[in-house]
């Protein structure tokens, strides 16, 4: 079974659940709670640990309720709910970042997730996350050492670190 921590978010809209679950790759699950019909974007397509984890999260009441209409972009809607709880959004962004570092061949997704997490650290003042983001940045730097973007990410990180630690900018 996929651990509950791997379920990033669950969004309920009417009788449908939409979710993103991290495993080797991120997978998306849709589940009709009335009929039990479901689909997962993993190779199995459903009847998998990802669907089970989403059901379990839902049964425990761990979901955002979007009302009755089917969302065009469930992930964007889930992020709008997550942004209302910045510490939770930060946890989700960091989980996604470390998952992407394992498989992102271009560095693009990891860089975007790093920037999202860095913005959330600034917004929340969560200085305790700086070490974790520093590790992610070191990993990005090791793999993409020749990317000018990595240096820009490092500058943003250092600026945030100094600001949170009250050092002179």
N, C-alpha and C. Protein backbone atom coordinates (compact mmCIF):
# COMPACT_ATOMS: atom_id res chain seq x y z
N UNK A 1 0.84 -1.18 0.00
CA UNK A 1 0.00 0.00 0.00
C UNK A 1 0.89 1.25 0.00
N UNK A 2 0.49 2.26 -0.72
CA UNK A 2 1.17 3.53 -0.75
C UNK A 2 0.93 4.21 0.60
N UNK A 3 1.97 4.77 1.20
CA UNK A 3 1.82 5.45 2.48
C UNK A 3 0.95 6.68 2.31
N UNK A 4 0.21 7.03 3.37
CA UNK A 4 -0.67 8.20 3.31
C UNK A 4 0.11 9.46 2.97
N UNK A 5 1.33 9.56 3.43
CA UNK A 5 2.12 10.77 3.15
C UNK A 5 2.36 10.94 1.66
N UNK A 6 2.21 9.90 0.89
CA UNK A 6 2.43 9.98 -0.54
C UNK A 6 1.21 10.55 -1.28
N UNK A 7 0.07 10.57 -0.63
CA UNK A 7 -1.10 11.22 -1.23
C UNK A 7 -0.91 12.71 -0.99
N UNK A 8 -0.68 13.45 -2.06
CA UNK A 8 -0.40 14.87 -1.90
C UNK A 8 -1.66 15.66 -1.59
N UNK A 9 -2.73 15.37 -2.28
CA UNK A 9 -3.99 16.06 -2.06
C UNK A 9 -5.11 15.22 -2.65
N UNK A 10 -6.30 15.42 -2.08
CA UNK A 10 -7.53 14.81 -2.59
C UNK A 10 -8.55 15.93 -2.68
N UNK A 11 -9.19 16.01 -3.82
CA UNK A 11 -10.21 17.03 -4.07
C UNK A 11 -11.52 16.30 -4.37
N UNK A 12 -12.57 16.65 -3.64
CA UNK A 12 -13.89 16.06 -3.88
C UNK A 12 -14.75 17.09 -4.60
N UNK A 13 -15.31 16.68 -5.73
CA UNK A 13 -16.23 17.53 -6.49
C UNK A 13 -17.44 16.66 -6.84
N UNK A 14 -18.55 16.93 -6.20
CA UNK A 14 -19.72 16.07 -6.39
C UNK A 14 -19.42 14.68 -5.87
N UNK A 15 -19.64 13.69 -6.72
CA UNK A 15 -19.37 12.30 -6.34
C UNK A 15 -17.98 11.83 -6.75
N UNK A 16 -17.16 12.74 -7.25
CA UNK A 16 -15.86 12.35 -7.77
C UNK A 16 -14.73 12.86 -6.89
N UNK A 17 -13.72 12.01 -6.78
CA UNK A 17 -12.48 12.39 -6.10
C UNK A 17 -11.40 12.51 -7.16
N UNK A 18 -10.57 13.51 -7.00
CA UNK A 18 -9.40 13.72 -7.86
C UNK A 18 -8.21 13.79 -6.91
N UNK A 19 -7.11 13.17 -7.30
CA UNK A 19 -5.97 13.15 -6.39
C UNK A 19 -4.66 13.02 -7.15
N UNK A 20 -3.59 13.44 -6.47
CA UNK A 20 -2.24 13.23 -6.96
C UNK A 20 -1.49 12.44 -5.89
N UNK A 21 -0.85 11.37 -6.33
CA UNK A 21 -0.16 10.46 -5.42
C UNK A 21 1.28 10.29 -5.91
N UNK A 22 2.23 10.43 -4.99
CA UNK A 22 3.63 10.24 -5.36
C UNK A 22 4.04 8.80 -5.13
N UNK A 23 4.74 8.28 -6.10
CA UNK A 23 5.37 6.97 -6.04
C UNK A 23 6.66 7.13 -6.82
N UNK A 24 7.05 6.16 -7.59
CA UNK A 24 8.23 6.34 -8.44
C UNK A 24 8.04 7.57 -9.33
N UNK A 25 6.83 7.76 -9.79
CA UNK A 25 6.41 8.94 -10.55
C UNK A 25 5.17 9.49 -9.87
N UNK A 26 4.79 10.73 -10.19
CA UNK A 26 3.49 11.19 -9.69
C UNK A 26 2.38 10.58 -10.54
N UNK A 27 1.33 10.14 -9.87
CA UNK A 27 0.19 9.56 -10.58
C UNK A 27 -1.07 10.31 -10.16
N UNK A 28 -2.02 10.36 -11.08
CA UNK A 28 -3.29 11.02 -10.83
C UNK A 28 -4.38 9.96 -10.76
N UNK A 29 -5.26 10.14 -9.80
CA UNK A 29 -6.35 9.20 -9.57
C UNK A 29 -7.67 9.96 -9.67
N UNK A 30 -8.64 9.34 -10.34
CA UNK A 30 -10.02 9.81 -10.33
C UNK A 30 -10.87 8.65 -9.85
N UNK A 31 -11.80 8.96 -8.95
CA UNK A 31 -12.62 7.92 -8.34
C UNK A 31 -14.03 8.44 -8.14
N UNK A 32 -15.01 7.68 -8.60
CA UNK A 32 -16.41 8.02 -8.36
C UNK A 32 -16.82 7.31 -7.06
N UNK A 33 -17.12 8.09 -6.02
CA UNK A 33 -17.43 7.49 -4.73
C UNK A 33 -18.79 6.80 -4.73
N UNK A 34 -19.66 7.16 -5.65
CA UNK A 34 -20.99 6.53 -5.72
C UNK A 34 -20.92 5.17 -6.40
N UNK A 35 -20.19 5.08 -7.50
CA UNK A 35 -20.15 3.85 -8.28
C UNK A 35 -18.91 3.01 -8.03
N UNK A 36 -17.87 3.62 -7.47
CA UNK A 36 -16.62 2.90 -7.26
C UNK A 36 -15.73 2.87 -8.50
N UNK A 37 -16.23 3.38 -9.62
CA UNK A 37 -15.40 3.42 -10.83
C UNK A 37 -14.20 4.32 -10.57
N UNK A 38 -13.06 3.91 -11.12
CA UNK A 38 -11.85 4.67 -10.89
C UNK A 38 -10.85 4.48 -12.02
N UNK A 39 -9.91 5.38 -12.06
CA UNK A 39 -8.81 5.29 -13.00
C UNK A 39 -7.58 5.88 -12.32
N UNK A 40 -6.43 5.32 -12.62
CA UNK A 40 -5.16 5.84 -12.14
C UNK A 40 -4.24 5.93 -13.34
N UNK A 41 -3.39 6.93 -13.37
CA UNK A 41 -2.49 7.09 -14.50
C UNK A 41 -1.23 6.23 -14.39
N UNK A 42 -1.16 5.38 -13.37
CA UNK A 42 -0.04 4.45 -13.28
C UNK A 42 -0.21 3.37 -14.34
N UNK A 43 0.81 2.58 -14.60
CA UNK A 43 0.71 1.55 -15.65
C UNK A 43 -0.44 0.55 -15.44
N UNK A 44 -0.86 0.35 -14.19
CA UNK A 44 -1.95 -0.59 -13.94
C UNK A 44 -3.31 0.02 -14.28
N UNK A 45 -3.41 1.33 -14.27
CA UNK A 45 -4.65 2.00 -14.66
C UNK A 45 -5.74 2.02 -13.61
N UNK A 46 -5.53 1.38 -12.52
CA UNK A 46 -6.52 1.31 -11.44
C UNK A 46 -6.35 0.00 -10.71
N UNK A 47 -7.20 -0.25 -9.71
CA UNK A 47 -7.04 -1.42 -8.85
C UNK A 47 -5.58 -1.53 -8.40
N UNK A 48 -5.07 -0.39 -7.92
CA UNK A 48 -3.65 -0.29 -7.55
C UNK A 48 -3.54 0.36 -6.18
N UNK A 49 -2.35 0.38 -5.62
CA UNK A 49 -2.16 1.01 -4.31
C UNK A 49 -2.50 2.50 -4.29
N UNK A 50 -2.39 3.16 -5.43
CA UNK A 50 -2.68 4.59 -5.49
C UNK A 50 -4.16 4.86 -5.26
N UNK A 51 -5.01 4.08 -5.91
CA UNK A 51 -6.46 4.21 -5.72
C UNK A 51 -6.81 3.87 -4.27
N UNK A 52 -6.21 2.81 -3.73
CA UNK A 52 -6.48 2.43 -2.34
C UNK A 52 -6.09 3.55 -1.38
N UNK A 53 -4.96 4.20 -1.63
CA UNK A 53 -4.50 5.28 -0.75
C UNK A 53 -5.45 6.47 -0.81
N UNK A 54 -5.98 6.76 -1.99
CA UNK A 54 -6.92 7.87 -2.13
C UNK A 54 -8.22 7.54 -1.39
N UNK A 55 -8.70 6.31 -1.54
CA UNK A 55 -9.91 5.89 -0.80
C UNK A 55 -9.70 6.04 0.70
N UNK A 56 -8.54 5.62 1.16
CA UNK A 56 -8.24 5.68 2.59
C UNK A 56 -8.20 7.14 3.08
N UNK A 57 -7.57 8.00 2.31
CA UNK A 57 -7.52 9.42 2.69
C UNK A 57 -8.93 10.00 2.75
N UNK A 58 -9.74 9.68 1.77
CA UNK A 58 -11.11 10.18 1.73
C UNK A 58 -11.90 9.68 2.94
N UNK A 59 -11.78 8.40 3.24
CA UNK A 59 -12.50 7.82 4.37
C UNK A 59 -12.07 8.45 5.69
N UNK A 60 -10.84 8.92 5.77
CA UNK A 60 -10.34 9.59 6.97
C UNK A 60 -10.70 11.08 6.98
N UNK A 61 -11.36 11.55 5.93
CA UNK A 61 -11.77 12.94 5.87
C UNK A 61 -10.67 13.89 5.43
N UNK A 62 -9.64 13.35 4.78
CA UNK A 62 -8.51 14.16 4.34
C UNK A 62 -8.73 14.54 2.88
N UNK A 63 -9.48 15.61 2.67
CA UNK A 63 -9.74 16.07 1.30
C UNK A 63 -10.28 17.49 1.35
N UNK A 64 -10.22 18.14 0.20
CA UNK A 64 -10.82 19.46 0.02
C UNK A 64 -12.15 19.24 -0.69
N UNK A 65 -13.20 19.89 -0.22
CA UNK A 65 -14.52 19.77 -0.84
C UNK A 65 -14.74 20.96 -1.77
N UNK A 66 -14.83 20.68 -3.06
CA UNK A 66 -14.98 21.73 -4.07
C UNK A 66 -16.43 21.95 -4.47
N UNK A 67 -17.35 21.32 -3.79
CA UNK A 67 -18.76 21.48 -4.17
C UNK A 67 -19.15 20.48 -5.24
N UNK A 68 -20.10 20.88 -6.07
CA UNK A 68 -20.68 19.92 -6.99
C UNK A 68 -20.17 19.88 -8.40
N UNK A 69 -19.53 20.92 -8.88
CA UNK A 69 -19.18 20.92 -10.30
C UNK A 69 -17.80 20.31 -10.54
N UNK A 70 -17.71 19.63 -11.67
CA UNK A 70 -16.47 18.96 -12.05
C UNK A 70 -15.42 20.01 -12.46
N UNK A 71 -14.25 19.99 -11.82
CA UNK A 71 -13.24 20.99 -12.16
C UNK A 71 -12.55 20.68 -13.48
N UNK A 72 -12.26 21.71 -14.23
CA UNK A 72 -11.53 21.55 -15.48
C UNK A 72 -10.08 21.14 -15.19
N UNK A 73 -9.49 21.71 -14.14
CA UNK A 73 -8.12 21.41 -13.77
C UNK A 73 -8.07 21.13 -12.27
N UNK A 74 -8.26 19.87 -11.87
CA UNK A 74 -8.30 19.54 -10.44
C UNK A 74 -7.03 19.94 -9.69
N UNK A 75 -5.88 19.80 -10.32
CA UNK A 75 -4.64 20.13 -9.62
C UNK A 75 -4.55 21.63 -9.32
N UNK A 76 -4.94 22.46 -10.27
CA UNK A 76 -4.92 23.90 -10.04
C UNK A 76 -5.90 24.27 -8.92
N UNK A 77 -7.06 23.64 -8.91
CA UNK A 77 -8.03 23.90 -7.85
C UNK A 77 -7.49 23.43 -6.50
N UNK A 78 -6.86 22.25 -6.49
CA UNK A 78 -6.27 21.75 -5.25
C UNK A 78 -5.22 22.73 -4.73
N UNK A 79 -4.39 23.29 -5.63
CA UNK A 79 -3.38 24.26 -5.20
C UNK A 79 -4.02 25.54 -4.69
N UNK A 80 -5.17 25.90 -5.20
CA UNK A 80 -5.83 27.10 -4.66
C UNK A 80 -6.27 26.85 -3.21
N UNK A 81 -6.71 25.63 -2.92
CA UNK A 81 -7.05 25.28 -1.54
C UNK A 81 -5.78 25.18 -0.69
N UNK A 82 -4.75 24.56 -1.22
CA UNK A 82 -3.50 24.42 -0.48
C UNK A 82 -2.90 25.79 -0.13
N UNK A 83 -3.05 26.75 -1.03
CA UNK A 83 -2.47 28.07 -0.78
C UNK A 83 -3.12 28.76 0.41
N UNK A 84 -4.30 28.30 0.80
CA UNK A 84 -4.96 28.85 1.98
C UNK A 84 -4.33 28.32 3.27
N UNK A 85 -3.54 27.26 3.16
CA UNK A 85 -2.84 26.67 4.30
C UNK A 85 -1.36 26.56 3.90
N UNK A 86 -0.63 27.68 3.94
CA UNK A 86 0.72 27.71 3.38
C UNK A 86 1.68 26.65 3.92
N UNK A 87 1.58 26.30 5.19
CA UNK A 87 2.49 25.26 5.73
C UNK A 87 2.20 23.91 5.08
N UNK A 88 0.94 23.60 4.87
CA UNK A 88 0.59 22.36 4.18
C UNK A 88 1.06 22.43 2.73
N UNK A 89 0.87 23.56 2.08
CA UNK A 89 1.34 23.73 0.71
C UNK A 89 2.85 23.54 0.64
N UNK A 90 3.56 24.03 1.63
CA UNK A 90 5.02 23.87 1.68
C UNK A 90 5.40 22.40 1.79
N UNK A 91 4.73 21.67 2.65
CA UNK A 91 5.00 20.23 2.77
C UNK A 91 4.78 19.51 1.45
N UNK A 92 3.70 19.85 0.77
CA UNK A 92 3.39 19.22 -0.52
C UNK A 92 4.44 19.59 -1.56
N UNK A 93 4.82 20.86 -1.61
CA UNK A 93 5.82 21.31 -2.59
C UNK A 93 7.16 20.62 -2.36
N UNK A 94 7.57 20.48 -1.11
CA UNK A 94 8.85 19.82 -0.80
C UNK A 94 8.79 18.34 -1.18
N UNK A 95 7.67 17.69 -0.89
CA UNK A 95 7.53 16.27 -1.27
C UNK A 95 7.61 16.12 -2.79
N UNK A 96 6.93 16.99 -3.51
CA UNK A 96 6.99 16.94 -4.97
C UNK A 96 8.40 17.23 -5.48
N UNK A 97 9.07 18.19 -4.87
CA UNK A 97 10.42 18.54 -5.29
C UNK A 97 11.36 17.35 -5.17
N UNK A 98 11.37 16.68 -4.04
CA UNK A 98 12.29 15.55 -3.87
C UNK A 98 11.91 14.37 -4.76
N UNK A 99 10.62 14.21 -5.04
CA UNK A 99 10.21 13.18 -5.98
C UNK A 99 10.71 13.51 -7.38
N UNK A 100 10.61 14.76 -7.78
CA UNK A 100 11.03 15.15 -9.13
C UNK A 100 12.54 15.07 -9.29
N UNK A 101 13.29 15.31 -8.23
CA UNK A 101 14.75 15.23 -8.32
C UNK A 101 15.22 13.83 -8.73
N UNK A 102 14.41 12.81 -8.46
CA UNK A 102 14.77 11.43 -8.79
C UNK A 102 14.59 11.12 -10.27
N UNK A 103 13.77 11.93 -10.99
CA UNK A 103 13.41 11.52 -12.35
C UNK A 103 13.43 12.65 -13.38
N UNK A 104 13.61 13.88 -12.96
CA UNK A 104 13.52 15.03 -13.86
C UNK A 104 14.82 15.16 -14.66
N UNK A 105 14.77 14.77 -15.92
CA UNK A 105 15.97 14.76 -16.75
C UNK A 105 16.37 16.15 -17.25
N UNK A 106 15.44 17.08 -17.28
CA UNK A 106 15.76 18.41 -17.79
C UNK A 106 16.05 19.42 -16.68
N UNK A 107 15.59 19.14 -15.49
CA UNK A 107 15.73 20.07 -14.38
C UNK A 107 14.61 21.10 -14.31
N UNK A 108 13.80 21.18 -15.33
CA UNK A 108 12.76 22.20 -15.41
C UNK A 108 11.71 22.06 -14.31
N UNK A 109 11.16 20.87 -14.17
CA UNK A 109 10.13 20.66 -13.16
C UNK A 109 10.71 20.86 -11.76
N UNK A 110 11.91 20.33 -11.54
CA UNK A 110 12.54 20.49 -10.22
C UNK A 110 12.79 21.95 -9.90
N UNK A 111 13.22 22.72 -10.89
CA UNK A 111 13.46 24.14 -10.67
C UNK A 111 12.16 24.86 -10.32
N UNK A 112 11.07 24.55 -11.02
CA UNK A 112 9.79 25.18 -10.75
C UNK A 112 9.31 24.82 -9.34
N UNK A 113 9.47 23.57 -8.96
CA UNK A 113 9.06 23.15 -7.63
C UNK A 113 9.94 23.77 -6.55
N UNK A 114 11.24 23.92 -6.83
CA UNK A 114 12.13 24.58 -5.90
C UNK A 114 11.68 26.02 -5.67
N UNK A 115 11.38 26.72 -6.76
CA UNK A 115 10.92 28.11 -6.65
C UNK A 115 9.62 28.21 -5.87
N UNK A 116 8.72 27.28 -6.09
CA UNK A 116 7.44 27.27 -5.36
C UNK A 116 7.71 27.08 -3.87
N UNK A 117 8.56 26.11 -3.55
CA UNK A 117 8.87 25.85 -2.14
C UNK A 117 9.59 27.04 -1.51
N UNK A 118 10.48 27.67 -2.24
CA UNK A 118 11.21 28.82 -1.72
C UNK A 118 10.24 29.98 -1.44
N UNK A 119 9.29 30.22 -2.34
CA UNK A 119 8.28 31.27 -2.11
C UNK A 119 7.46 30.96 -0.85
N UNK A 120 7.12 29.68 -0.67
CA UNK A 120 6.34 29.30 0.50
C UNK A 120 7.16 29.42 1.79
N UNK A 121 8.45 29.16 1.72
CA UNK A 121 9.31 29.36 2.89
C UNK A 121 9.31 30.84 3.26
N UNK A 122 9.45 31.70 2.27
CA UNK A 122 9.42 33.15 2.54
C UNK A 122 8.07 33.56 3.12
N UNK A 123 6.99 33.05 2.53
CA UNK A 123 5.65 33.43 2.98
C UNK A 123 5.38 32.99 4.41
N UNK A 124 5.83 31.79 4.76
CA UNK A 124 5.54 31.24 6.08
C UNK A 124 6.61 31.58 7.10
N UNK A 125 7.78 32.02 6.64
CA UNK A 125 8.89 32.26 7.57
C UNK A 125 9.44 30.96 8.14
N UNK A 126 9.23 29.85 7.43
CA UNK A 126 9.61 28.53 7.91
C UNK A 126 11.11 28.28 7.71
N UNK A 127 11.89 28.92 8.54
CA UNK A 127 13.35 28.83 8.47
C UNK A 127 13.85 27.38 8.55
N UNK A 128 13.10 26.53 9.25
CA UNK A 128 13.52 25.13 9.42
C UNK A 128 13.55 24.36 8.10
N UNK A 129 12.92 24.90 7.07
CA UNK A 129 12.93 24.24 5.76
C UNK A 129 14.15 24.62 4.92
N UNK A 130 14.91 25.60 5.36
CA UNK A 130 16.06 26.04 4.58
C UNK A 130 17.08 24.93 4.38
N UNK A 131 17.31 24.14 5.41
CA UNK A 131 18.27 23.03 5.29
C UNK A 131 17.81 22.03 4.22
N UNK A 132 16.54 21.72 4.23
CA UNK A 132 15.97 20.77 3.27
C UNK A 132 16.10 21.33 1.85
N UNK A 133 15.77 22.61 1.69
CA UNK A 133 15.88 23.21 0.36
C UNK A 133 17.35 23.33 -0.06
N UNK A 134 18.22 23.55 0.90
CA UNK A 134 19.65 23.56 0.59
C UNK A 134 20.12 22.21 0.05
N UNK A 135 19.62 21.13 0.63
CA UNK A 135 19.95 19.79 0.13
C UNK A 135 19.43 19.60 -1.29
N UNK A 136 18.21 20.05 -1.54
CA UNK A 136 17.64 19.94 -2.88
C UNK A 136 18.46 20.75 -3.87
N UNK A 137 18.87 21.93 -3.48
CA UNK A 137 19.67 22.78 -4.35
C UNK A 137 21.03 22.15 -4.64
N UNK A 138 21.63 21.53 -3.63
CA UNK A 138 22.91 20.84 -3.85
C UNK A 138 22.74 19.70 -4.85
N UNK A 139 21.63 18.98 -4.74
CA UNK A 139 21.37 17.89 -5.68
C UNK A 139 21.15 18.43 -7.09
N UNK A 140 20.38 19.50 -7.21
CA UNK A 140 20.19 20.13 -8.52
C UNK A 140 21.53 20.61 -9.09
N UNK A 141 22.34 21.21 -8.24
CA UNK A 141 23.65 21.72 -8.67
C UNK A 141 24.56 20.60 -9.14
N UNK A 142 24.52 19.46 -8.47
CA UNK A 142 25.37 18.34 -8.85
C UNK A 142 24.99 17.80 -10.23
N UNK A 143 23.70 17.73 -10.50
CA UNK A 143 23.24 17.16 -11.77
C UNK A 143 23.29 18.19 -12.89
N UNK A 144 22.91 19.40 -12.59
CA UNK A 144 22.80 20.45 -13.61
C UNK A 144 23.81 21.57 -13.35
N UNK A 145 25.03 21.19 -13.09
CA UNK A 145 26.08 22.13 -12.68
C UNK A 145 26.35 23.22 -13.72
N UNK A 146 26.05 22.95 -14.97
CA UNK A 146 26.35 23.93 -16.02
C UNK A 146 25.13 24.77 -16.43
N UNK A 147 24.05 24.67 -15.69
CA UNK A 147 22.85 25.44 -16.00
C UNK A 147 22.93 26.80 -15.31
N UNK A 148 22.84 27.90 -16.06
CA UNK A 148 22.80 29.22 -15.42
C UNK A 148 21.61 29.36 -14.45
N UNK A 149 20.54 28.65 -14.73
CA UNK A 149 19.37 28.72 -13.85
C UNK A 149 19.72 28.29 -12.43
N UNK A 150 20.58 27.29 -12.29
CA UNK A 150 20.93 26.80 -10.95
C UNK A 150 21.58 27.92 -10.13
N UNK A 151 22.40 28.72 -10.76
CA UNK A 151 23.01 29.84 -10.04
C UNK A 151 21.95 30.85 -9.61
N UNK A 152 20.95 31.09 -10.45
CA UNK A 152 19.85 31.99 -10.07
C UNK A 152 19.05 31.42 -8.91
N UNK A 153 18.85 30.10 -8.92
CA UNK A 153 18.14 29.46 -7.80
C UNK A 153 18.95 29.62 -6.52
N UNK A 154 20.27 29.45 -6.63
CA UNK A 154 21.15 29.60 -5.45
C UNK A 154 21.07 31.03 -4.92
N UNK A 155 21.07 32.02 -5.81
CA UNK A 155 20.97 33.42 -5.38
C UNK A 155 19.66 33.66 -4.64
N UNK A 156 18.57 33.13 -5.17
CA UNK A 156 17.27 33.26 -4.50
C UNK A 156 17.26 32.58 -3.15
N UNK A 157 17.87 31.42 -3.08
CA UNK A 157 17.97 30.68 -1.82
C UNK A 157 18.76 31.49 -0.80
N UNK A 158 19.92 32.00 -1.20
CA UNK A 158 20.77 32.76 -0.28
C UNK A 158 20.06 34.03 0.18
N UNK A 159 19.38 34.69 -0.72
CA UNK A 159 18.63 35.90 -0.36
C UNK A 159 17.57 35.56 0.69
N UNK A 160 16.84 34.48 0.47
CA UNK A 160 15.81 34.05 1.42
C UNK A 160 16.43 33.65 2.75
N UNK A 161 17.53 32.91 2.70
CA UNK A 161 18.20 32.48 3.94
C UNK A 161 18.63 33.69 4.76
N UNK A 162 19.28 34.65 4.12
CA UNK A 162 19.73 35.84 4.83
C UNK A 162 18.56 36.63 5.40
N UNK A 163 17.49 36.75 4.63
CA UNK A 163 16.32 37.49 5.09
C UNK A 163 15.69 36.82 6.32
N UNK A 164 15.58 35.50 6.29
CA UNK A 164 14.96 34.79 7.41
C UNK A 164 15.87 34.76 8.63
N UNK A 165 17.17 34.70 8.39
CA UNK A 165 18.12 34.67 9.50
C UNK A 165 18.50 36.07 9.95
N UNK A 166 17.87 37.08 9.35
CA UNK A 166 18.04 38.48 9.70
C UNK A 166 19.48 38.96 9.48
N UNK A 167 20.16 38.38 8.49
CA UNK A 167 21.48 38.86 8.12
C UNK A 167 21.32 40.04 7.18
N UNK A 168 22.31 40.91 7.11
CA UNK A 168 22.23 42.00 6.13
C UNK A 168 22.19 41.45 4.71
N UNK A 169 21.29 41.99 3.89
CA UNK A 169 21.19 41.56 2.49
C UNK A 169 22.30 42.23 1.73
